[in-house]
Amino acid sequence: MATGTSLPLHDRNRIVRWLVTVAALIFVMVVLGGVTRLTESGLSIVEWRPVTGTLPPLSDQAWQAEFDKYKTSPEFQKKNSDFSVADFKTIFWFEYLHRLLGRLIGVVFAVPFFWMLWRRQIPGPLKPRLWLLLGLGALQGFMGWFMVKSGLVDRPDVSQYRLAAHLGLAFAIYGYIVWLVYGLLRPQHGKPAPFVWALTALIFLQILAGAFVAGIDAGFIYNTWPAMDNGHIIPPGIWTEPPLWPGMFEDHRIVQFNHRMLAYLITLLVGVWWWLNRGKGAPAHLLALATLFQVFAGIVTVLILPYVPAWLAVFHQAGGLVLFSASLYALHRVRKA
């Protein structure tokens, strides 16, 4: 994007600060979403009230009313029937803060956006990109409720398909903002290198694969590394006993296997790319370091399951954002010859 060079410096810096703030809030939002998932708090609020749900219960009667609504959910009836109001408050606050932060992100994006539009401080080429971000943000709010709704019918968990869509859209929005910031700060000419495009696409695919692992708790089935099942790298019968479709999205063994194999492939390709570009500056080094940290966090998480400290699981999810940011940075900087 070449708009960075045509903007007055103070206008460009204002837009960059604004977009970086939104991206940072989305980063926190994704991490908080991971905490919400780990604490199984996501189904504690069974209604979608974008405006009236901004305030939490403020009295004992209000808390009891909210708890009575939760009692109608499959999660309470099948998993948490022994919960008291005090237990309910614990999971409620995680989901409430997650939704509140989502509202805050919407305000932090929309208010400055319309203000700068009115003041004519946004260049023409940037306007449609920002309108697109506004639309994607609204879609993400709907997708969050669409995901939660899947766990309020007959199963005490959300659909892994909707979870992957929700997380993938969050990463897409975050990545698009990061890409715009890179373009504003350092406009580039020429097309990005195809190999780095492929790496970035694989990393995004790995993020979706991780969502499926989380969505069906596939991480708990094999807790050894590098072997998976009794010394086997490839669990026996993994491709013959369950149907490949929809087994690759619903069978615990296949889902974890796919996540591991994608990690190996990405690590190999990043290593090769780093070796070939190690003398050409920061992009290769940053991407290699981010990959190594993420792989290390993933291995440690597997080895200490099922008793994973929340901070480690959150670190692994945050590492995915850092790795994605590093791949976008490499994609922005490295151009096709």
C-alpha atoms as a PDB file:
ATOM      1  CA  MET A   1       0.000   0.000   0.000  1.00  0.00           C
ATOM      2  CA  ALA A   2       1.496   3.266  -1.102  1.00  0.00           C
ATOM      3  CA  THR A   3      -0.642   5.694   0.874  1.00  0.00           C
ATOM      4  CA  GLY A   4       2.010   6.053   3.562  1.00  0.00           C
ATOM      5  CA  THR A   5       4.172   8.262   1.393  1.00  0.00           C
ATOM      6  CA  SER A   6       1.314  10.569   0.338  1.00  0.00           C
ATOM      7  CA  LEU A   7       0.103  11.335   3.861  1.00  0.00           C
ATOM      8  CA  PRO A   8       1.338  14.254   5.965  1.00  0.00           C
ATOM      9  CA  LEU A   9       3.549  12.858   8.709  1.00  0.00           C
ATOM     10  CA  HIS A  10       1.266  13.879  11.588  1.00  0.00           C
ATOM     11  CA  ASP A  11      -1.814  12.340   9.910  1.00  0.00           C
ATOM     12  CA  ARG A  12       0.055   9.127   9.154  1.00  0.00           C
ATOM     13  CA  ASN A  13       1.334   8.842  12.727  1.00  0.00           C
ATOM     14  CA  ARG A  14      -2.161   9.466  14.086  1.00  0.00           C
ATOM     15  CA  ILE A  15      -3.636   6.680  11.963  1.00  0.00           C
ATOM     16  CA  VAL A  16      -0.777   4.320  12.842  1.00  0.00           C
ATOM     17  CA  ARG A  17      -1.202   4.925  16.584  1.00  0.00           C
ATOM     18  CA  TRP A  18      -4.928   4.326  16.283  1.00  0.00           C
ATOM     19  CA  LEU A  19      -4.543   1.091  14.315  1.00  0.00           C
ATOM     20  CA  VAL A  20      -1.781  -0.190  16.599  1.00  0.00           C
ATOM     21  CA  THR A  21      -4.048   0.433  19.592  1.00  0.00           C
ATOM     22  CA  VAL A  22      -6.865  -1.541  17.962  1.00  0.00           C
ATOM     23  CA  ALA A  23      -4.473  -4.374  17.045  1.00  0.00           C
ATOM     24  CA  ALA A  24      -3.133  -4.490  20.618  1.00  0.00           C
ATOM     25  CA  LEU A  25      -6.667  -4.721  21.987  1.00  0.00           C
ATOM     26  CA  ILE A  26      -7.438  -7.557  19.562  1.00  0.00           C
ATOM     27  CA  PHE A  27      -4.260  -9.294  20.742  1.00  0.00           C
ATOM     28  CA  VAL A  28      -5.527  -9.064  24.324  1.00  0.00           C
ATOM     29  CA  MET A  29      -8.976 -10.153  23.145  1.00  0.00           C
ATOM     30  CA  VAL A  30      -7.606 -13.347  21.576  1.00  0.00           C
ATOM     31  CA  VAL A  31      -5.599 -14.143  24.693  1.00  0.00           C
ATOM     32  CA  LEU A  32      -8.619 -13.497  26.918  1.00  0.00           C
ATOM     33  CA  GLY A  33     -10.647 -15.717  24.617  1.00  0.00           C
ATOM     34  CA  GLY A  34      -8.120 -18.465  25.280  1.00  0.00           C
ATOM     35  CA  VAL A  35      -8.535 -17.990  29.023  1.00  0.00           C
ATOM     36  CA  THR A  36     -12.305 -18.096  28.587  1.00  0.00           C
ATOM     37  CA  ARG A  37     -11.977 -21.346  26.700  1.00  0.00           C
ATOM     38  CA  LEU A  38      -9.577 -22.886  29.245  1.00  0.00           C
ATOM     39  CA  THR A  39     -11.856 -22.036  32.165  1.00  0.00           C
ATOM     40  CA  GLU A  40     -14.924 -23.277  30.243  1.00  0.00           C
ATOM     41  CA  SER A  41     -16.579 -19.915  30.807  1.00  0.00           C
ATOM     42  CA  GLY A  42     -17.804 -19.210  27.295  1.00  0.00           C
ATOM     43  CA  LEU A  43     -21.311 -20.581  27.803  1.00  0.00           C
ATOM     44  CA  SER A  44     -22.001 -18.827  31.082  1.00  0.00           C
ATOM     45  CA  ILE A  45     -23.964 -15.984  29.428  1.00  0.00           C
ATOM     46  CA  VAL A  46     -26.821 -17.495  27.450  1.00  0.00           C
ATOM     47  CA  GLU A  47     -28.151 -14.314  25.844  1.00  0.00           C
ATOM     48  CA  TRP A  48     -26.768 -11.923  23.275  1.00  0.00           C
ATOM     49  CA  ARG A  49     -27.491  -8.373  24.374  1.00  0.00           C
ATOM     50  CA  PRO A  50     -25.014  -6.095  22.614  1.00  0.00           C
ATOM     51  CA  VAL A  51     -26.268  -2.934  24.351  1.00  0.00           C
ATOM     52  CA  THR A  52     -28.192  -3.890  27.493  1.00  0.00           C
ATOM     53  CA  GLY A  53     -25.641  -6.584  28.351  1.00  0.00           C
ATOM     54  CA  THR A  54     -22.889  -4.014  28.856  1.00  0.00           C
ATOM     55  CA  LEU A  55     -23.534  -3.829  32.600  1.00  0.00           C
ATOM     56  CA  PRO A  56     -23.066  -6.940  34.770  1.00  0.00           C
ATOM     57  CA  PRO A  57     -25.589  -7.991  37.443  1.00  0.00           C
ATOM     58  CA  LEU A  58     -25.538  -5.385  40.216  1.00  0.00           C
ATOM     59  CA  SER A  59     -27.611  -7.040  42.935  1.00  0.00           C
ATOM     60  CA  ASP A  60     -28.147 -10.456  44.484  1.00  0.00           C
ATOM     61  CA  GLN A  61     -31.496 -10.693  42.716  1.00  0.00           C
ATOM     62  CA  ALA A  62     -29.877  -9.892  39.362  1.00  0.00           C
ATOM     63  CA  TRP A  63     -27.191 -12.515  39.937  1.00  0.00           C
ATOM     64  CA  GLN A  64     -29.828 -15.106  40.796  1.00  0.00           C
ATOM     65  CA  ALA A  65     -31.800 -14.239  37.667  1.00  0.00           C
ATOM     66  CA  GLU A  66     -28.672 -14.603  35.523  1.00  0.00           C
ATOM     67  CA  PHE A  67     -27.865 -17.914  37.213  1.00  0.00           C
ATOM     68  CA  ASP A  68     -31.408 -19.166  36.588  1.00  0.00           C
ATOM     69  CA  LYS A  69     -30.923 -18.502  32.875  1.00  0.00           C
ATOM     70  CA  TYR A  70     -27.667 -20.449  32.954  1.00  0.00           C
ATOM     71  CA  LYS A  71     -29.491 -23.372  34.577  1.00  0.00           C
ATOM     72  CA  THR A  72     -31.433 -23.858  31.342  1.00  0.00           C
ATOM     73  CA  SER A  73     -28.242 -24.502  29.377  1.00  0.00           C
ATOM     74  CA  PRO A  74     -26.888 -27.972  28.495  1.00  0.00           C
ATOM     75  CA  GLU A  75     -23.590 -27.084  30.175  1.00  0.00           C
ATOM     76  CA  PHE A  76     -25.252 -26.664  33.571  1.00  0.00           C
ATOM     77  CA  GLN A  77     -27.539 -29.663  33.162  1.00  0.00           C
ATOM     78  CA  LYS A  78     -24.840 -32.051  31.919  1.00  0.00           C
ATOM     79  CA  LYS A  79     -21.617 -30.772  33.506  1.00  0.00           C
ATOM     80  CA  ASN A  80     -22.122 -28.145  36.201  1.00  0.00           C
ATOM     81  CA  SER A  81     -25.335 -29.129  37.963  1.00  0.00           C
ATOM     82  CA  ASP A  82     -23.562 -28.818  41.314  1.00  0.00           C
ATOM     83  CA  PHE A  83     -22.742 -25.128  40.738  1.00  0.00           C
ATOM     84  CA  SER A  84     -23.792 -22.479  43.222  1.00  0.00           C
ATOM     85  CA  VAL A  85     -24.206 -18.792  42.460  1.00  0.00           C
ATOM     86  CA  ALA A  86     -20.637 -18.237  43.706  1.00  0.00           C
ATOM     87  CA  ASP A  87     -19.306 -20.853  41.267  1.00  0.00           C
ATOM     88  CA  PHE A  88     -21.316 -19.274  38.466  1.00  0.00           C
ATOM     89  CA  LYS A  89     -19.855 -15.846  39.163  1.00  0.00           C
ATOM     90  CA  THR A  90     -16.341 -17.181  38.539  1.00  0.00           C
ATOM     91  CA  ILE A  91     -17.046 -18.319  34.989  1.00  0.00           C
ATOM     92  CA  PHE A  92     -19.417 -15.419  34.301  1.00  0.00           C
ATOM     93  CA  TRP A  93     -16.721 -12.789  34.803  1.00  0.00           C
ATOM     94  CA  PHE A  94     -14.368 -14.275  32.206  1.00  0.00           C
ATOM     95  CA  GLU A  95     -17.055 -14.344  29.518  1.00  0.00           C
ATOM     96  CA  TYR A  96     -18.371 -10.939  30.551  1.00  0.00           C
ATOM     97  CA  LEU A  97     -14.904  -9.350  30.280  1.00  0.00           C
ATOM     98  CA  HIS A  98     -14.408 -11.051  26.914  1.00  0.00           C
ATOM     99  CA  ARG A  99     -17.625  -9.557  25.573  1.00  0.00           C
ATOM    100  CA  LEU A 100     -16.968  -6.182  27.186  1.00  0.00           C
ATOM    101  CA  LEU A 101     -13.551  -6.001  25.533  1.00  0.00           C
ATOM    102  CA  GLY A 102     -15.201  -6.800  22.211  1.00  0.00           C
ATOM    103  CA  ARG A 103     -17.528  -3.824  22.661  1.00  0.00           C
ATOM    104  CA  LEU A 104     -14.579  -1.629  23.644  1.00  0.00           C
ATOM    105  CA  ILE A 105     -12.687  -2.608  20.490  1.00  0.00           C
ATOM    106  CA  GLY A 106     -15.710  -1.639  18.433  1.00  0.00           C
ATOM    107  CA  VAL A 107     -15.854   1.785  20.059  1.00  0.00           C
ATOM    108  CA  VAL A 108     -12.093   2.357  19.834  1.00  0.00           C
ATOM    109  CA  PHE A 109     -12.218   1.599  16.124  1.00  0.00           C
ATOM    110  CA  ALA A 110     -15.491   3.224  15.096  1.00  0.00           C
ATOM    111  CA  VAL A 111     -15.348   6.564  16.962  1.00  0.00           C
ATOM    112  CA  PRO A 112     -11.923   7.712  15.655  1.00  0.00           C
ATOM    113  CA  PHE A 113     -12.766   6.307  12.219  1.00  0.00           C
ATOM    114  CA  PHE A 114     -15.918   8.398  11.797  1.00  0.00           C
ATOM    115  CA  TRP A 115     -14.228  11.408  13.385  1.00  0.00           C
ATOM    116  CA  MET A 116     -11.343  11.258  10.909  1.00  0.00           C
ATOM    117  CA  LEU A 117     -13.759  10.682   8.042  1.00  0.00           C
ATOM    118  CA  TRP A 118     -15.642  13.818   9.032  1.00  0.00           C
ATOM    119  CA  ARG A 119     -12.384  15.781   9.307  1.00  0.00           C
ATOM    120  CA  ARG A 120     -11.199  14.346   5.955  1.00  0.00           C
ATOM    121  CA  GLN A 121      -7.999  13.043   7.527  1.00  0.00           C
ATOM    122  CA  ILE A 122      -8.108   9.608   5.854  1.00  0.00           C
ATOM    123  CA  PRO A 123      -6.685   9.308   2.324  1.00  0.00           C
ATOM    124  CA  GLY A 124      -8.944   7.929  -0.379  1.00  0.00           C
ATOM    125  CA  PRO A 125      -7.108   4.599  -0.964  1.00  0.00           C
ATOM    126  CA  LEU A 126      -7.279   3.803   2.754  1.00  0.00           C
ATOM    127  CA  LYS A 127     -11.014   4.431   3.198  1.00  0.00           C
ATOM    128  CA  PRO A 128     -12.360   1.209   1.627  1.00  0.00           C
ATOM    129  CA  ARG A 129      -9.871  -0.837   3.656  1.00  0.00           C
ATOM    130  CA  LEU A 130     -11.075   0.740   6.877  1.00  0.00           C
ATOM    131  CA  TRP A 131     -14.732   0.296   5.896  1.00  0.00           C
ATOM    132  CA  LEU A 132     -13.905  -3.366   5.302  1.00  0.00           C
ATOM    133  CA  LEU A 133     -12.399  -3.608   8.788  1.00  0.00           C
ATOM    134  CA  LEU A 134     -15.528  -2.048  10.279  1.00  0.00           C
ATOM    135  CA  GLY A 135     -17.669  -4.634   8.516  1.00  0.00           C
ATOM    136  CA  LEU A 136     -15.406  -7.499   9.580  1.00  0.00           C
ATOM    137  CA  GLY A 137     -15.601  -6.296  13.187  1.00  0.00           C
ATOM    138  CA  ALA A 138     -19.397  -6.362  13.076  1.00  0.00           C
ATOM    139  CA  LEU A 139     -19.286  -9.825  11.524  1.00  0.00           C
ATOM    140  CA  GLN A 140     -16.954 -10.988  14.304  1.00  0.00           C
ATOM    141  CA  GLY A 141     -19.434  -9.870  16.947  1.00  0.00           C
ATOM    142  CA  PHE A 142     -22.142 -11.916  15.258  1.00  0.00           C
ATOM    143  CA  MET A 143     -19.765 -14.867  14.809  1.00  0.00           C
ATOM    144  CA  GLY A 144     -19.022 -14.867  18.534  1.00  0.00           C
ATOM    145  CA  TRP A 145     -22.694 -15.252  19.363  1.00  0.00           C
ATOM    146  CA  PHE A 146     -23.164 -17.766  16.524  1.00  0.00           C
ATOM    147  CA  MET A 147     -20.434 -19.852  18.140  1.00  0.00           C
ATOM    148  CA  VAL A 148     -21.866 -19.588  21.664  1.00  0.00           C
ATOM    149  CA  LYS A 149     -25.340 -20.458  20.386  1.00  0.00           C
ATOM    150  CA  SER A 150     -24.076 -23.848  19.177  1.00  0.00           C
ATOM    151  CA  GLY A 151     -23.436 -24.820  22.809  1.00  0.00           C
ATOM    152  CA  LEU A 152     -26.894 -23.846  24.043  1.00  0.00           C
ATOM    153  CA  VAL A 153     -29.006 -26.397  22.173  1.00  0.00           C
ATOM    154  CA  ASP A 154     -28.175 -29.978  23.121  1.00  0.00           C
ATOM    155  CA  ARG A 155     -24.405 -30.196  23.694  1.00  0.00           C
ATOM    156  CA  PRO A 156     -22.407 -28.561  26.521  1.00  0.00           C
ATOM    157  CA  ASP A 157     -19.661 -27.394  24.160  1.00  0.00           C
ATOM    158  CA  VAL A 158     -19.502 -25.050  21.224  1.00  0.00           C
ATOM    159  CA  SER A 159     -19.076 -26.383  17.702  1.00  0.00           C
ATOM    160  CA  GLN A 160     -15.412 -26.756  16.775  1.00  0.00           C
ATOM    161  CA  TYR A 161     -16.282 -25.526  13.284  1.00  0.00           C
ATOM    162  CA  ARG A 162     -17.708 -22.282  14.634  1.00  0.00           C
ATOM    163  CA  LEU A 163     -14.837 -21.939  17.093  1.00  0.00           C
ATOM    164  CA  ALA A 164     -12.356 -22.204  14.223  1.00  0.00           C
ATOM    165  CA  ALA A 165     -14.330 -19.642  12.212  1.00  0.00           C
ATOM    166  CA  HIS A 166     -14.428 -17.253  15.184  1.00  0.00           C
ATOM    167  CA  LEU A 167     -10.711 -17.563  15.900  1.00  0.00           C
ATOM    168  CA  GLY A 168      -9.765 -17.473  12.225  1.00  0.00           C
ATOM    169  CA  LEU A 169     -11.740 -14.276  11.682  1.00  0.00           C
ATOM    170  CA  ALA A 170     -10.070 -12.687  14.728  1.00  0.00           C
ATOM    171  CA  PHE A 171      -6.633 -13.516  13.302  1.00  0.00           C
ATOM    172  CA  ALA A 172      -7.697 -12.251   9.861  1.00  0.00           C
ATOM    173  CA  ILE A 173      -8.830  -8.903  11.283  1.00  0.00           C
ATOM    174  CA  TYR A 174      -5.702  -8.592  13.409  1.00  0.00           C
ATOM    175  CA  GLY A 175      -3.491  -9.538  10.474  1.00  0.00           C
ATOM    176  CA  TYR A 176      -5.155  -7.071   8.130  1.00  0.00           C
ATOM    177  CA  ILE A 177      -4.617  -4.246  10.612  1.00  0.00           C
ATOM    178  CA  VAL A 178      -0.974  -5.224  11.057  1.00  0.00           C
ATOM    179  CA  TRP A 179      -0.578  -5.313   7.279  1.00  0.00           C
ATOM    180  CA  LEU A 180      -2.030  -1.807   6.946  1.00  0.00           C
ATOM    181  CA  VAL A 181       0.335  -0.523   9.643  1.00  0.00           C
ATOM    182  CA  TYR A 182       3.340  -2.049   7.896  1.00  0.00           C
ATOM    183  CA  GLY A 183       2.253  -0.379   4.669  1.00  0.00           C
ATOM    184  CA  LEU A 184       1.804   3.008   6.305  1.00  0.00           C
ATOM    185  CA  LEU A 185       5.159   2.893   8.050  1.00  0.00           C
ATOM    186  CA  ARG A 186       7.192   1.486   5.194  1.00  0.00           C
ATOM    187  CA  PRO A 187       5.480   1.422   1.793  1.00  0.00           C
ATOM    188  CA  GLN A 188       6.842  -1.268  -0.528  1.00  0.00           C
ATOM    189  CA  HIS A 189       6.749  -1.787  -4.259  1.00  0.00           C
ATOM    190  CA  GLY A 190       6.544  -5.054  -6.114  1.00  0.00           C
ATOM    191  CA  LYS A 191       4.733  -8.260  -5.220  1.00  0.00           C
ATOM    192  CA  PRO A 192       5.530 -10.233  -2.051  1.00  0.00           C
ATOM    193  CA  ALA A 193       7.655 -13.355  -2.516  1.00  0.00           C
ATOM    194  CA  PRO A 194       5.478 -16.420  -3.326  1.00  0.00           C
ATOM    195  CA  PHE A 195       7.369 -18.655  -0.893  1.00  0.00           C
ATOM    196  CA  VAL A 196       6.633 -16.305   1.997  1.00  0.00           C
ATOM    197  CA  TRP A 197       2.998 -16.150   0.865  1.00  0.00           C
ATOM    198  CA  ALA A 198       2.890 -19.935   1.167  1.00  0.00           C
ATOM    199  CA  LEU A 199       4.493 -19.831   4.625  1.00  0.00           C
ATOM    200  CA  THR A 200       1.988 -17.243   5.851  1.00  0.00           C
ATOM    201  CA  ALA A 201      -0.916 -19.292   4.479  1.00  0.00           C
ATOM    202  CA  LEU A 202       0.400 -22.424   6.229  1.00  0.00           C
ATOM    203  CA  ILE A 203       0.741 -20.557   9.518  1.00  0.00           C
ATOM    204  CA  PHE A 204      -2.842 -19.352   9.232  1.00  0.00           C
ATOM    205  CA  LEU A 205      -3.948 -22.906   8.432  1.00  0.00           C
ATOM    206  CA  GLN A 206      -2.073 -24.113  11.516  1.00  0.00           C
ATOM    207  CA  ILE A 207      -3.958 -21.581  13.627  1.00  0.00           C
ATOM    208  CA  LEU A 208      -7.237 -23.039  12.372  1.00  0.00           C
ATOM    209  CA  ALA A 209      -5.941 -26.549  13.074  1.00  0.00           C
ATOM    210  CA  GLY A 210      -5.161 -25.453  16.629  1.00  0.00           C
ATOM    211  CA  ALA A 211      -8.739 -24.235  16.984  1.00  0.00           C
ATOM    212  CA  PHE A 212     -10.000 -27.711  16.099  1.00  0.00           C
ATOM    213  CA  VAL A 213      -7.613 -29.229  18.659  1.00  0.00           C
ATOM    214  CA  ALA A 214      -9.047 -26.906  21.298  1.00  0.00           C
ATOM    215  CA  GLY A 215     -12.614 -27.348  20.069  1.00  0.00           C
ATOM    216  CA  ILE A 216     -12.724 -31.112  20.669  1.00  0.00           C
ATOM    217  CA  ASP A 217     -10.023 -31.270  23.377  1.00  0.00           C
ATOM    218  CA  ALA A 218      -7.857 -33.323  21.035  1.00  0.00           C
ATOM    219  CA  GLY A 219      -4.711 -32.276  22.890  1.00  0.00           C
ATOM    220  CA  PHE A 220      -5.510 -34.628  25.759  1.00  0.00           C
ATOM    221  CA  ILE A 221      -5.365 -37.895  23.816  1.00  0.00           C
ATOM    222  CA  TYR A 222      -1.575 -38.156  23.241  1.00  0.00           C
ATOM    223  CA  ASN A 223       0.784 -36.599  25.772  1.00  0.00           C
ATOM    224  CA  THR A 224       4.165 -37.791  24.498  1.00  0.00           C
ATOM    225  CA  TRP A 225       6.609 -36.323  22.016  1.00  0.00           C
ATOM    226  CA  PRO A 226       7.799 -36.953  19.350  1.00  0.00           C
ATOM    227  CA  ALA A 227       5.894 -40.260  19.432  1.00  0.00           C
ATOM    228  CA  MET A 228       2.130 -40.190  19.746  1.00  0.00           C
ATOM    229  CA  ASP A 229       0.781 -43.695  20.425  1.00  0.00           C
ATOM    230  CA  ASN A 230       3.021 -46.302  22.122  1.00  0.00           C
ATOM    231  CA  GLY A 231       6.142 -45.143  20.350  1.00  0.00           C
ATOM    232  CA  HIS A 232       4.470 -44.580  16.990  1.00  0.00           C
ATOM    233  CA  ILE A 233       4.867 -41.235  15.236  1.00  0.00           C
ATOM    234  CA  ILE A 234       1.743 -42.109  13.236  1.00  0.00           C
ATOM    235  CA  PRO A 235      -0.893 -43.803  15.421  1.00  0.00           C
ATOM    236  CA  PRO A 236      -1.812 -47.244  14.009  1.00  0.00           C
ATOM    237  CA  GLY A 237      -5.074 -47.296  12.093  1.00  0.00           C
ATOM    238  CA  ILE A 238      -5.414 -43.540  12.060  1.00  0.00           C
ATOM    239  CA  TRP A 239      -6.331 -43.450   8.366  1.00  0.00           C
ATOM    240  CA  THR A 240      -8.355 -46.671   8.194  1.00  0.00           C
ATOM    241  CA  GLU A 241     -10.622 -46.891  11.250  1.00  0.00           C
ATOM    242  CA  PRO A 242     -12.407 -43.513  11.159  1.00  0.00           C
ATOM    243  CA  PRO A 243     -13.663 -42.067   7.873  1.00  0.00           C
ATOM    244  CA  LEU A 244     -11.243 -39.400   6.696  1.00  0.00           C
ATOM    245  CA  TRP A 245     -14.237 -37.120   6.294  1.00  0.00           C
ATOM    246  CA  PRO A 246     -15.286 -35.800   8.725  1.00  0.00           C
ATOM    247  CA  GLY A 247     -12.598 -37.523  10.816  1.00  0.00           C
ATOM    248  CA  MET A 248      -9.985 -34.881   9.989  1.00  0.00           C
ATOM    249  CA  PHE A 249     -12.143 -32.370  11.857  1.00  0.00           C
ATOM    250  CA  GLU A 250     -13.826 -34.584  14.449  1.00  0.00           C
ATOM    251  CA  ASP A 251     -11.553 -37.530  15.301  1.00  0.00           C
ATOM    252  CA  HIS A 252      -9.223 -36.692  18.214  1.00  0.00           C
ATOM    253  CA  ARG A 253      -6.285 -38.682  16.840  1.00  0.00           C
ATOM    254  CA  ILE A 254      -6.410 -37.213  13.345  1.00  0.00           C
ATOM    255  CA  VAL A 255      -6.933 -33.662  14.571  1.00  0.00           C
ATOM    256  CA  GLN A 256      -3.909 -33.767  16.877  1.00  0.00           C
ATOM    257  CA  PHE A 257      -1.829 -35.575  14.243  1.00  0.00           C
ATOM    258  CA  ASN A 258      -2.633 -32.900  11.645  1.00  0.00           C
ATOM    259  CA  HIS A 259      -1.675 -30.139  14.068  1.00  0.00           C
ATOM    260  CA  ARG A 260       1.674 -31.779  14.777  1.00  0.00           C
ATOM    261  CA  MET A 261       2.467 -32.501  11.134  1.00  0.00           C
ATOM    262  CA  LEU A 262       1.682 -28.936  10.101  1.00  0.00           C
ATOM    263  CA  ALA A 263       4.008 -27.709  12.847  1.00  0.00           C
ATOM    264  CA  TYR A 264       6.827 -29.908  11.523  1.00  0.00           C
ATOM    265  CA  LEU A 265       6.226 -28.746   7.949  1.00  0.00           C
ATOM    266  CA  ILE A 266       6.202 -25.071   8.919  1.00  0.00           C
ATOM    267  CA  THR A 267       9.347 -25.462  11.026  1.00  0.00           C
ATOM    268  CA  LEU A 268      11.149 -27.192   8.166  1.00  0.00           C
ATOM    269  CA  LEU A 269      10.141 -24.584   5.590  1.00  0.00           C
ATOM    270  CA  VAL A 270      10.961 -21.668   7.893  1.00  0.00           C
ATOM    271  CA  GLY A 271      14.349 -23.252   8.616  1.00  0.00           C
ATOM    272  CA  VAL A 272      15.119 -23.587   4.922  1.00  0.00           C
ATOM    273  CA  TRP A 273      13.962 -20.057   4.198  1.00  0.00           C
ATOM    274  CA  TRP A 274      15.997 -18.688   7.117  1.00  0.00           C
ATOM    275  CA  TRP A 275      19.137 -20.476   5.862  1.00  0.00           C
ATOM    276  CA  LEU A 276      18.724 -19.028   2.392  1.00  0.00           C
ATOM    277  CA  ASN A 277      17.998 -15.494   3.680  1.00  0.00           C
ATOM    278  CA  ARG A 278      19.966 -15.359   6.942  1.00  0.00           C
ATOM    279  CA  GLY A 279      22.207 -12.569   5.675  1.00  0.00           C
ATOM    280  CA  LYS A 280      19.415 -10.340   4.381  1.00  0.00           C
ATOM    281  CA  GLY A 281      18.182  -8.643   7.539  1.00  0.00           C
ATOM    282  CA  ALA A 282      15.596  -8.966  10.276  1.00  0.00           C
ATOM    283  CA  PRO A 283      12.588 -10.683   8.608  1.00  0.00           C
ATOM    284  CA  ALA A 284      14.197 -14.127   8.402  1.00  0.00           C
ATOM    285  CA  HIS A 285      15.573 -13.967  11.953  1.00  0.00           C
ATOM    286  CA  LEU A 286      12.296 -12.775  13.484  1.00  0.00           C
ATOM    287  CA  LEU A 287      10.270 -15.448  11.728  1.00  0.00           C
ATOM    288  CA  ALA A 288      12.718 -18.186  12.730  1.00  0.00           C
ATOM    289  CA  LEU A 289      12.763 -17.097  16.388  1.00  0.00           C
ATOM    290  CA  ALA A 290       8.980 -16.827  16.563  1.00  0.00           C
ATOM    291  CA  THR A 291       8.653 -20.300  15.041  1.00  0.00           C
ATOM    292  CA  LEU A 292      11.108 -21.851  17.506  1.00  0.00           C
ATOM    293  CA  PHE A 293       9.399 -20.284  20.521  1.00  0.00           C
ATOM    294  CA  GLN A 294       5.980 -21.441  19.330  1.00  0.00           C
ATOM    295  CA  VAL A 295       7.161 -24.990  18.646  1.00  0.00           C
ATOM    296  CA  PHE A 296       8.837 -25.135  22.068  1.00  0.00           C
ATOM    297  CA  ALA A 297       5.658 -23.914  23.793  1.00  0.00           C
ATOM    298  CA  GLY A 298       3.606 -26.488  21.905  1.00  0.00           C
ATOM    299  CA  ILE A 299       5.898 -29.367  22.875  1.00  0.00           C
ATOM    300  CA  VAL A 300       5.947 -28.367  26.531  1.00  0.00           C
ATOM    301  CA  THR A 301       2.154 -28.044  26.527  1.00  0.00           C
ATOM    302  CA  VAL A 302       1.800 -31.583  25.149  1.00  0.00           C
ATOM    303  CA  LEU A 303       4.268 -33.096  27.613  1.00  0.00           C
ATOM    304  CA  ILE A 304       2.633 -31.719  30.751  1.00  0.00           C
ATOM    305  CA  LEU A 305      -0.971 -32.407  29.773  1.00  0.00           C
ATOM    306  CA  PRO A 306      -3.528 -32.884  31.247  1.00  0.00           C
ATOM    307  CA  TYR A 307      -2.368 -30.452  33.941  1.00  0.00           C
ATOM    308  CA  VAL A 308      -1.445 -27.479  31.784  1.00  0.00           C
ATOM    309  CA  PRO A 309      -0.944 -24.209  33.678  1.00  0.00           C
ATOM    310  CA  ALA A 310      -3.279 -21.598  32.241  1.00  0.00           C
ATOM    311  CA  TRP A 311      -0.369 -19.229  31.649  1.00  0.00           C
ATOM    312  CA  LEU A 312       1.393 -21.770  29.420  1.00  0.00           C
ATOM    313  CA  ALA A 313      -1.665 -22.432  27.270  1.00  0.00           C
ATOM    314  CA  VAL A 314      -2.253 -18.692  26.970  1.00  0.00           C
ATOM    315  CA  PHE A 315       1.415 -18.199  26.083  1.00  0.00           C
ATOM    316  CA  HIS A 316       1.033 -20.752  23.293  1.00  0.00           C
ATOM    317  CA  GLN A 317      -1.997 -18.940  21.892  1.00  0.00           C
ATOM    318  CA  ALA A 318      -0.262 -15.566  22.144  1.00  0.00           C
ATOM    319  CA  GLY A 319       2.733 -17.145  20.430  1.00  0.00           C
ATOM    320  CA  GLY A 320       0.484 -17.892  17.478  1.00  0.00           C
ATOM    321  CA  LEU A 321      -0.279 -14.184  17.151  1.00  0.00           C
ATOM    322  CA  VAL A 322       3.404 -13.292  17.389  1.00  0.00           C
ATOM    323  CA  LEU A 323       4.306 -15.888  14.752  1.00  0.00           C
ATOM    324  CA  PHE A 324       1.545 -14.635  12.449  1.00  0.00           C
ATOM    325  CA  SER A 325       2.772 -11.049  12.910  1.00  0.00           C
ATOM    326  CA  ALA A 326       6.338 -12.121  12.087  1.00  0.00           C
ATOM    327  CA  SER A 327       5.200 -13.906   8.939  1.00  0.00           C
ATOM    328  CA  LEU A 328       3.279 -10.815   7.810  1.00  0.00           C
ATOM    329  CA  TYR A 329       6.357  -8.695   8.467  1.00  0.00           C
ATOM    330  CA  ALA A 330       8.448 -11.024   6.304  1.00  0.00           C
ATOM    331  CA  LEU A 331       5.719 -11.020   3.668  1.00  0.00           C
ATOM    332  CA  HIS A 332       5.705  -7.221   3.627  1.00  0.00           C
ATOM    333  CA  ARG A 333       9.471  -6.804   3.496  1.00  0.00           C
ATOM    334  CA  VAL A 334      10.526  -9.578   1.122  1.00  0.00           C
ATOM    335  CA  ARG A 335       9.570  -8.810  -2.452  1.00  0.00           C
ATOM    336  CA  LYS A 336       9.595 -10.933  -5.581  1.00  0.00           C
ATOM    337  CA  ALA A 337      12.746 -10.407  -7.588  1.00  0.00           C
END
